[in-house]
N, C-alpha and C. Protein backbone atom coordinates (compact mmCIF):
# COMPACT_ATOMS: atom_id res chain seq x y z
N GLU A 1 0.82 -1.19 0.00
CA GLU A 1 0.00 0.00 0.00
C GLU A 1 0.86 1.25 0.00
N ARG A 2 1.97 1.21 0.72
CA ARG A 2 2.87 2.36 0.78
C ARG A 2 3.47 2.64 -0.61
N VAL A 3 3.78 1.58 -1.33
CA VAL A 3 4.35 1.73 -2.67
C VAL A 3 3.33 2.40 -3.59
N LEU A 4 2.06 1.99 -3.51
CA LEU A 4 1.02 2.60 -4.33
C LEU A 4 0.89 4.09 -4.01
N LEU A 5 0.96 4.43 -2.75
CA LEU A 5 0.89 5.84 -2.35
C LEU A 5 2.07 6.63 -2.91
N ASP A 6 3.27 6.06 -2.83
CA ASP A 6 4.45 6.73 -3.38
C ASP A 6 4.31 6.94 -4.89
N VAL A 7 3.83 5.91 -5.58
CA VAL A 7 3.63 6.01 -7.03
C VAL A 7 2.57 7.07 -7.33
N ALA A 8 1.48 7.08 -6.58
CA ALA A 8 0.40 8.05 -6.80
C ALA A 8 0.91 9.48 -6.60
N ILE A 9 1.70 9.70 -5.59
CA ILE A 9 2.25 11.03 -5.32
C ILE A 9 3.17 11.46 -6.46
N GLN A 10 4.03 10.57 -6.90
CA GLN A 10 4.93 10.90 -8.01
C GLN A 10 4.15 11.19 -9.30
N LEU A 11 3.10 10.41 -9.55
CA LEU A 11 2.29 10.64 -10.74
C LEU A 11 1.59 12.00 -10.69
N ALA A 12 1.05 12.35 -9.53
CA ALA A 12 0.37 13.63 -9.38
C ALA A 12 1.36 14.79 -9.58
N LYS A 13 2.56 14.65 -9.02
CA LYS A 13 3.58 15.70 -9.21
C LYS A 13 4.01 15.79 -10.67
N ALA A 14 4.21 14.64 -11.31
CA ALA A 14 4.61 14.64 -12.72
C ALA A 14 3.52 15.27 -13.59
N LEU A 15 2.28 14.96 -13.29
CA LEU A 15 1.17 15.53 -14.05
C LEU A 15 1.10 17.04 -13.83
N GLY A 16 1.34 17.47 -12.61
CA GLY A 16 1.39 18.90 -12.32
C GLY A 16 2.49 19.59 -13.11
N ASP A 17 3.65 18.94 -13.22
CA ASP A 17 4.75 19.51 -14.01
C ASP A 17 4.38 19.60 -15.49
N ILE A 18 3.71 18.57 -15.99
CA ILE A 18 3.27 18.57 -17.38
C ILE A 18 2.30 19.73 -17.62
N HIS A 19 1.35 19.91 -16.70
CA HIS A 19 0.37 20.98 -16.84
C HIS A 19 1.01 22.35 -16.67
N HIS A 20 2.02 22.45 -15.82
CA HIS A 20 2.73 23.72 -15.64
C HIS A 20 3.39 24.15 -16.95
N ALA A 21 3.77 23.17 -17.76
CA ALA A 21 4.34 23.45 -19.08
C ALA A 21 3.24 23.69 -20.12
N ARG A 22 2.00 23.81 -19.69
CA ARG A 22 0.83 24.07 -20.54
C ARG A 22 0.53 22.93 -21.51
N VAL A 23 0.83 21.71 -21.08
CA VAL A 23 0.54 20.52 -21.89
C VAL A 23 -0.55 19.73 -21.19
N THR A 24 -1.54 19.29 -21.94
CA THR A 24 -2.58 18.41 -21.42
C THR A 24 -2.46 17.09 -22.16
N HIS A 25 -2.40 15.98 -21.41
CA HIS A 25 -2.14 14.66 -21.97
C HIS A 25 -3.36 14.08 -22.69
N TYR A 26 -4.51 14.10 -22.06
CA TYR A 26 -5.80 13.61 -22.59
C TYR A 26 -5.90 12.10 -22.76
N ASP A 27 -4.91 11.33 -22.34
CA ASP A 27 -5.03 9.86 -22.46
C ASP A 27 -4.28 9.17 -21.33
N ILE A 28 -4.54 9.61 -20.09
CA ILE A 28 -3.92 8.97 -18.92
C ILE A 28 -4.64 7.64 -18.68
N LYS A 29 -3.87 6.57 -18.67
CA LYS A 29 -4.39 5.23 -18.40
C LYS A 29 -3.19 4.36 -18.00
N PRO A 30 -3.44 3.18 -17.44
CA PRO A 30 -2.32 2.33 -16.99
C PRO A 30 -1.28 2.04 -18.08
N HIS A 31 -1.70 1.85 -19.31
CA HIS A 31 -0.76 1.52 -20.38
C HIS A 31 0.15 2.69 -20.74
N ASN A 32 -0.20 3.90 -20.31
CA ASN A 32 0.60 5.07 -20.62
C ASN A 32 1.40 5.55 -19.42
N ILE A 33 1.56 4.68 -18.44
CA ILE A 33 2.36 5.00 -17.26
C ILE A 33 3.48 3.98 -17.16
N ILE A 34 4.68 4.48 -17.04
CA ILE A 34 5.86 3.61 -16.90
C ILE A 34 6.34 3.71 -15.46
N VAL A 35 6.41 2.57 -14.79
CA VAL A 35 6.91 2.52 -13.42
C VAL A 35 8.20 1.73 -13.43
N CYS A 36 9.25 2.35 -12.94
CA CYS A 36 10.57 1.73 -12.93
C CYS A 36 11.01 1.56 -11.47
N ALA A 37 11.27 0.35 -11.06
CA ALA A 37 11.76 0.09 -9.72
C ALA A 37 13.20 -0.42 -9.81
N ALA A 38 14.10 0.32 -9.19
CA ALA A 38 15.52 -0.07 -9.23
C ALA A 38 15.99 -0.35 -7.81
N SER A 39 16.44 -1.56 -7.58
CA SER A 39 16.97 -1.90 -6.26
C SER A 39 18.43 -1.51 -6.19
N ALA A 40 18.79 -0.96 -5.06
CA ALA A 40 20.18 -0.58 -4.84
C ALA A 40 20.56 -0.98 -3.43
N LEU A 41 21.77 -1.44 -3.27
CA LEU A 41 22.22 -1.79 -1.93
C LEU A 41 22.31 -0.53 -1.09
N ALA A 42 21.81 -0.61 0.12
CA ALA A 42 21.91 0.53 1.02
C ALA A 42 23.37 0.75 1.37
N ALA A 43 23.72 1.99 1.60
CA ALA A 43 25.11 2.31 1.94
C ALA A 43 25.48 1.59 3.23
N ALA A 44 26.57 0.86 3.17
CA ALA A 44 27.00 0.09 4.34
C ALA A 44 28.08 0.86 5.07
N ASP A 45 27.97 0.83 6.38
CA ASP A 45 28.97 1.48 7.21
C ASP A 45 30.14 0.51 7.38
N ALA A 46 31.34 0.96 7.09
CA ALA A 46 32.52 0.09 7.13
C ALA A 46 32.78 -0.46 8.52
N THR A 47 32.38 0.25 9.54
CA THR A 47 32.65 -0.21 10.91
C THR A 47 31.49 -0.98 11.50
N SER A 48 30.44 -1.17 10.74
CA SER A 48 29.25 -1.84 11.26
C SER A 48 29.46 -3.34 11.37
N ASP A 49 28.94 -3.92 12.46
CA ASP A 49 28.97 -5.36 12.64
C ASP A 49 27.80 -6.02 11.93
N ASN A 50 26.87 -5.21 11.43
CA ASN A 50 25.65 -5.71 10.83
C ASN A 50 25.96 -6.36 9.48
N ASP A 51 25.67 -7.66 9.35
CA ASP A 51 25.90 -8.38 8.10
C ASP A 51 24.67 -8.35 7.20
N ASP A 52 23.66 -7.58 7.59
CA ASP A 52 22.41 -7.51 6.83
C ASP A 52 22.66 -6.76 5.52
N ASP A 53 22.28 -7.38 4.40
CA ASP A 53 22.40 -6.74 3.09
C ASP A 53 21.09 -6.03 2.77
N SER A 54 20.85 -4.93 3.47
CA SER A 54 19.61 -4.18 3.27
C SER A 54 19.58 -3.58 1.88
N THR A 55 18.42 -3.68 1.26
CA THR A 55 18.26 -3.05 -0.04
C THR A 55 17.12 -2.07 0.04
N SER A 56 17.20 -1.04 -0.75
CA SER A 56 16.11 -0.08 -0.85
C SER A 56 15.69 -0.04 -2.31
N THR A 57 14.43 0.23 -2.51
CA THR A 57 13.91 0.27 -3.86
C THR A 57 13.52 1.70 -4.19
N ALA A 58 14.12 2.23 -5.22
CA ALA A 58 13.77 3.56 -5.70
C ALA A 58 12.80 3.40 -6.86
N ILE A 59 11.66 4.05 -6.75
CA ILE A 59 10.64 3.93 -7.78
C ILE A 59 10.53 5.26 -8.51
N THR A 60 10.58 5.21 -9.82
CA THR A 60 10.36 6.40 -10.63
C THR A 60 9.21 6.12 -11.60
N VAL A 61 8.46 7.16 -11.89
CA VAL A 61 7.32 7.01 -12.80
C VAL A 61 7.42 8.04 -13.92
N LYS A 62 6.88 7.68 -15.08
CA LYS A 62 6.85 8.57 -16.24
C LYS A 62 5.57 8.33 -17.01
N PHE A 63 5.13 9.37 -17.68
CA PHE A 63 3.98 9.24 -18.57
C PHE A 63 4.49 9.01 -19.99
N ALA A 64 3.78 8.20 -20.74
CA ALA A 64 4.15 7.90 -22.12
C ALA A 64 2.97 8.24 -23.04
N ASP A 65 3.19 8.13 -24.33
CA ASP A 65 2.17 8.29 -25.36
C ASP A 65 1.46 9.64 -25.28
N PHE A 66 2.13 10.65 -25.76
CA PHE A 66 1.57 11.98 -25.79
C PHE A 66 0.90 12.26 -27.14
N GLY A 67 0.41 11.20 -27.77
CA GLY A 67 -0.21 11.32 -29.09
C GLY A 67 -1.45 12.20 -29.12
N LEU A 68 -2.21 12.26 -28.03
CA LEU A 68 -3.41 13.10 -27.97
C LEU A 68 -3.15 14.41 -27.23
N ALA A 69 -1.92 14.59 -26.76
CA ALA A 69 -1.59 15.77 -25.95
C ALA A 69 -1.70 17.05 -26.76
N HIS A 70 -2.00 18.13 -26.05
CA HIS A 70 -2.11 19.44 -26.67
C HIS A 70 -1.39 20.47 -25.82
N VAL A 71 -0.86 21.48 -26.48
CA VAL A 71 -0.15 22.56 -25.80
C VAL A 71 -1.00 23.81 -25.89
N ALA A 72 -1.17 24.49 -24.77
CA ALA A 72 -1.91 25.75 -24.75
C ALA A 72 -0.91 26.91 -24.78
N TRP A 73 -1.20 27.90 -25.60
CA TRP A 73 -0.32 29.07 -25.74
C TRP A 73 -1.07 30.31 -25.30
N PRO A 74 -0.34 31.32 -24.80
CA PRO A 74 -1.02 32.55 -24.38
C PRO A 74 -1.71 33.23 -25.55
N LYS A 75 -2.85 33.84 -25.28
CA LYS A 75 -3.52 34.64 -26.29
C LYS A 75 -3.97 35.94 -25.67
N ARG A 76 -4.26 36.90 -26.47
CA ARG A 76 -4.69 38.20 -25.98
C ARG A 76 -6.20 38.20 -25.80
N GLY A 77 -6.64 39.00 -24.84
CA GLY A 77 -8.08 39.16 -24.64
C GLY A 77 -8.62 38.18 -23.63
N ASP A 78 -9.89 38.29 -23.38
CA ASP A 78 -10.55 37.42 -22.43
C ASP A 78 -10.93 36.12 -23.10
N GLY A 79 -11.06 35.10 -22.29
CA GLY A 79 -11.47 33.81 -22.84
C GLY A 79 -11.49 32.76 -21.76
N ASP A 80 -11.82 31.58 -22.13
CA ASP A 80 -11.82 30.47 -21.18
C ASP A 80 -10.40 30.14 -20.81
N GLY A 81 -10.19 29.58 -19.64
CA GLY A 81 -8.88 29.09 -19.25
C GLY A 81 -7.97 30.14 -18.65
N SER A 82 -8.51 31.23 -18.12
CA SER A 82 -7.65 32.23 -17.49
C SER A 82 -6.95 31.62 -16.29
N ASP A 83 -5.68 31.94 -16.16
CA ASP A 83 -4.96 31.47 -14.98
C ASP A 83 -4.98 32.55 -13.92
N LYS A 84 -4.30 32.33 -12.80
CA LYS A 84 -4.33 33.26 -11.68
C LYS A 84 -3.74 34.62 -12.04
N GLY A 85 -2.86 34.67 -13.01
CA GLY A 85 -2.24 35.93 -13.41
C GLY A 85 -3.11 36.74 -14.37
N GLY A 86 -4.29 36.26 -14.69
CA GLY A 86 -5.18 36.97 -15.58
C GLY A 86 -4.91 36.70 -17.06
N ARG A 87 -3.91 35.90 -17.35
CA ARG A 87 -3.62 35.57 -18.74
C ARG A 87 -4.60 34.50 -19.20
N SER A 88 -4.81 34.46 -20.47
CA SER A 88 -5.73 33.48 -21.02
C SER A 88 -4.95 32.55 -21.94
N TYR A 89 -5.29 31.26 -21.94
CA TYR A 89 -4.59 30.28 -22.75
C TYR A 89 -5.57 29.53 -23.63
N HIS A 90 -5.11 29.13 -24.78
CA HIS A 90 -5.94 28.34 -25.68
C HIS A 90 -5.05 27.33 -26.39
N ILE A 91 -5.67 26.35 -26.99
CA ILE A 91 -4.92 25.38 -27.78
C ILE A 91 -4.38 26.10 -29.00
N ALA A 92 -3.11 25.88 -29.28
CA ALA A 92 -2.39 26.65 -30.30
C ALA A 92 -3.05 26.62 -31.68
N ASP A 93 -3.61 25.51 -32.04
CA ASP A 93 -4.12 25.35 -33.40
C ASP A 93 -5.48 24.66 -33.31
N THR A 94 -6.47 25.18 -34.01
CA THR A 94 -7.80 24.58 -33.93
C THR A 94 -7.81 23.14 -34.43
N SER A 95 -6.85 22.79 -35.28
CA SER A 95 -6.79 21.41 -35.76
C SER A 95 -6.32 20.47 -34.65
N GLN A 96 -5.74 21.05 -33.58
CA GLN A 96 -5.26 20.23 -32.46
C GLN A 96 -6.33 20.00 -31.40
N LYS A 97 -7.48 20.64 -31.51
CA LYS A 97 -8.48 20.49 -30.46
C LYS A 97 -8.87 19.03 -30.31
N ILE A 98 -9.06 18.64 -29.08
CA ILE A 98 -9.33 17.24 -28.77
C ILE A 98 -10.68 16.82 -29.36
N ALA A 99 -10.68 15.76 -30.08
CA ALA A 99 -11.92 15.24 -30.65
C ALA A 99 -12.68 14.50 -29.56
N ARG A 100 -13.95 14.74 -29.48
CA ARG A 100 -14.76 14.02 -28.48
C ARG A 100 -14.66 12.53 -28.77
N GLY A 101 -14.44 11.77 -27.72
CA GLY A 101 -14.34 10.33 -27.87
C GLY A 101 -12.93 9.85 -28.12
N ALA A 102 -11.97 10.77 -28.31
CA ALA A 102 -10.58 10.35 -28.49
C ALA A 102 -10.01 9.98 -27.13
N GLY A 103 -9.37 8.85 -27.05
CA GLY A 103 -8.83 8.38 -25.78
C GLY A 103 -9.40 7.01 -25.44
N THR A 104 -9.24 6.63 -24.19
CA THR A 104 -9.73 5.33 -23.72
C THR A 104 -10.93 5.54 -22.82
N ILE A 105 -12.08 5.08 -23.23
CA ILE A 105 -13.35 5.39 -22.59
C ILE A 105 -13.37 5.08 -21.09
N ALA A 106 -12.73 4.01 -20.67
CA ALA A 106 -12.77 3.63 -19.25
C ALA A 106 -12.10 4.65 -18.34
N TYR A 107 -11.24 5.49 -18.89
CA TYR A 107 -10.49 6.44 -18.07
C TYR A 107 -10.81 7.89 -18.41
N MET A 108 -11.73 8.12 -19.33
CA MET A 108 -12.06 9.48 -19.77
C MET A 108 -12.94 10.21 -18.78
N SER A 109 -12.73 11.52 -18.74
CA SER A 109 -13.63 12.37 -17.96
C SER A 109 -14.94 12.53 -18.74
N PRO A 110 -16.01 12.88 -18.06
CA PRO A 110 -17.28 13.09 -18.78
C PRO A 110 -17.16 14.17 -19.87
N GLU A 111 -16.30 15.16 -19.65
CA GLU A 111 -16.11 16.21 -20.65
C GLU A 111 -15.53 15.64 -21.94
N GLN A 112 -14.64 14.69 -21.82
CA GLN A 112 -14.04 14.09 -23.01
C GLN A 112 -15.02 13.21 -23.77
N THR A 113 -15.93 12.58 -23.06
CA THR A 113 -16.87 11.67 -23.72
C THR A 113 -18.00 12.42 -24.41
N GLY A 114 -18.21 13.67 -24.01
CA GLY A 114 -19.32 14.44 -24.57
C GLY A 114 -20.60 14.29 -23.77
N ARG A 115 -20.54 13.64 -22.62
CA ARG A 115 -21.74 13.45 -21.79
C ARG A 115 -22.21 14.76 -21.17
N VAL A 116 -21.28 15.69 -20.98
CA VAL A 116 -21.65 17.00 -20.46
C VAL A 116 -21.19 18.05 -21.46
N GLN A 117 -21.86 19.15 -21.47
CA GLN A 117 -21.56 20.20 -22.44
C GLN A 117 -20.50 21.17 -21.88
N ARG A 118 -19.33 20.63 -21.61
CA ARG A 118 -18.20 21.43 -21.13
C ARG A 118 -16.97 21.07 -21.94
N VAL A 119 -16.05 22.01 -22.01
CA VAL A 119 -14.80 21.79 -22.73
C VAL A 119 -13.85 20.99 -21.85
N ALA A 120 -13.24 19.97 -22.41
CA ALA A 120 -12.23 19.19 -21.67
C ALA A 120 -10.97 20.03 -21.55
N ASP A 121 -10.36 20.02 -20.37
CA ASP A 121 -9.11 20.74 -20.16
C ASP A 121 -8.19 19.90 -19.29
N TYR A 122 -7.18 20.54 -18.69
CA TYR A 122 -6.19 19.81 -17.91
C TYR A 122 -6.80 19.01 -16.76
N ARG A 123 -7.95 19.43 -16.26
CA ARG A 123 -8.59 18.71 -15.15
C ARG A 123 -9.03 17.32 -15.57
N SER A 124 -9.24 17.12 -16.86
CA SER A 124 -9.58 15.78 -17.37
C SER A 124 -8.46 14.79 -17.09
N ASP A 125 -7.21 15.27 -17.14
CA ASP A 125 -6.08 14.40 -16.83
C ASP A 125 -6.13 13.91 -15.39
N PHE A 126 -6.50 14.79 -14.46
CA PHE A 126 -6.59 14.38 -13.06
C PHE A 126 -7.73 13.39 -12.84
N TYR A 127 -8.83 13.58 -13.54
CA TYR A 127 -9.93 12.61 -13.48
C TYR A 127 -9.43 11.24 -13.94
N SER A 128 -8.74 11.22 -15.07
CA SER A 128 -8.22 9.97 -15.63
C SER A 128 -7.19 9.33 -14.70
N LEU A 129 -6.36 10.16 -14.07
CA LEU A 129 -5.38 9.62 -13.11
C LEU A 129 -6.11 8.98 -11.92
N GLY A 130 -7.15 9.62 -11.44
CA GLY A 130 -7.93 9.05 -10.34
C GLY A 130 -8.57 7.72 -10.73
N ALA A 131 -9.12 7.64 -11.93
CA ALA A 131 -9.72 6.39 -12.41
C ALA A 131 -8.66 5.30 -12.53
N THR A 132 -7.47 5.70 -12.98
CA THR A 132 -6.36 4.75 -13.12
C THR A 132 -5.92 4.21 -11.76
N LEU A 133 -5.77 5.10 -10.79
CA LEU A 133 -5.33 4.69 -9.45
C LEU A 133 -6.41 3.85 -8.76
N TYR A 134 -7.67 4.15 -9.03
CA TYR A 134 -8.75 3.38 -8.43
C TYR A 134 -8.73 1.94 -8.91
N GLN A 135 -8.42 1.78 -10.18
CA GLN A 135 -8.39 0.43 -10.76
C GLN A 135 -7.30 -0.36 -10.11
């Protein structure tokens, strides 16, 4: 359980970093998450009598498959997606706008499926991450 919590925290931080770069993934699911566990011998004290070969496991996580991802760029004027600084962001190119139904249905937010009349944005990634962790 502790390992799952560590992985979940790392995933949330990584997703936050991705969003800070104004990128929205739009396809968070287990197959698009890479978990790497590397065992390393714990540093041994030369004067220690302890013959225990303690190992620690370092876990790193990464997101993969940015095929549906979109980048938001600053635009002038008012609009949806204003951040705390009052700037407004939009998807750089209208041809890049996320198509309804694109992605994996089991992990999609309602906005992505078209069930609600709202625009899908970075919050859809957090919904998908929650569905992934729940599974």
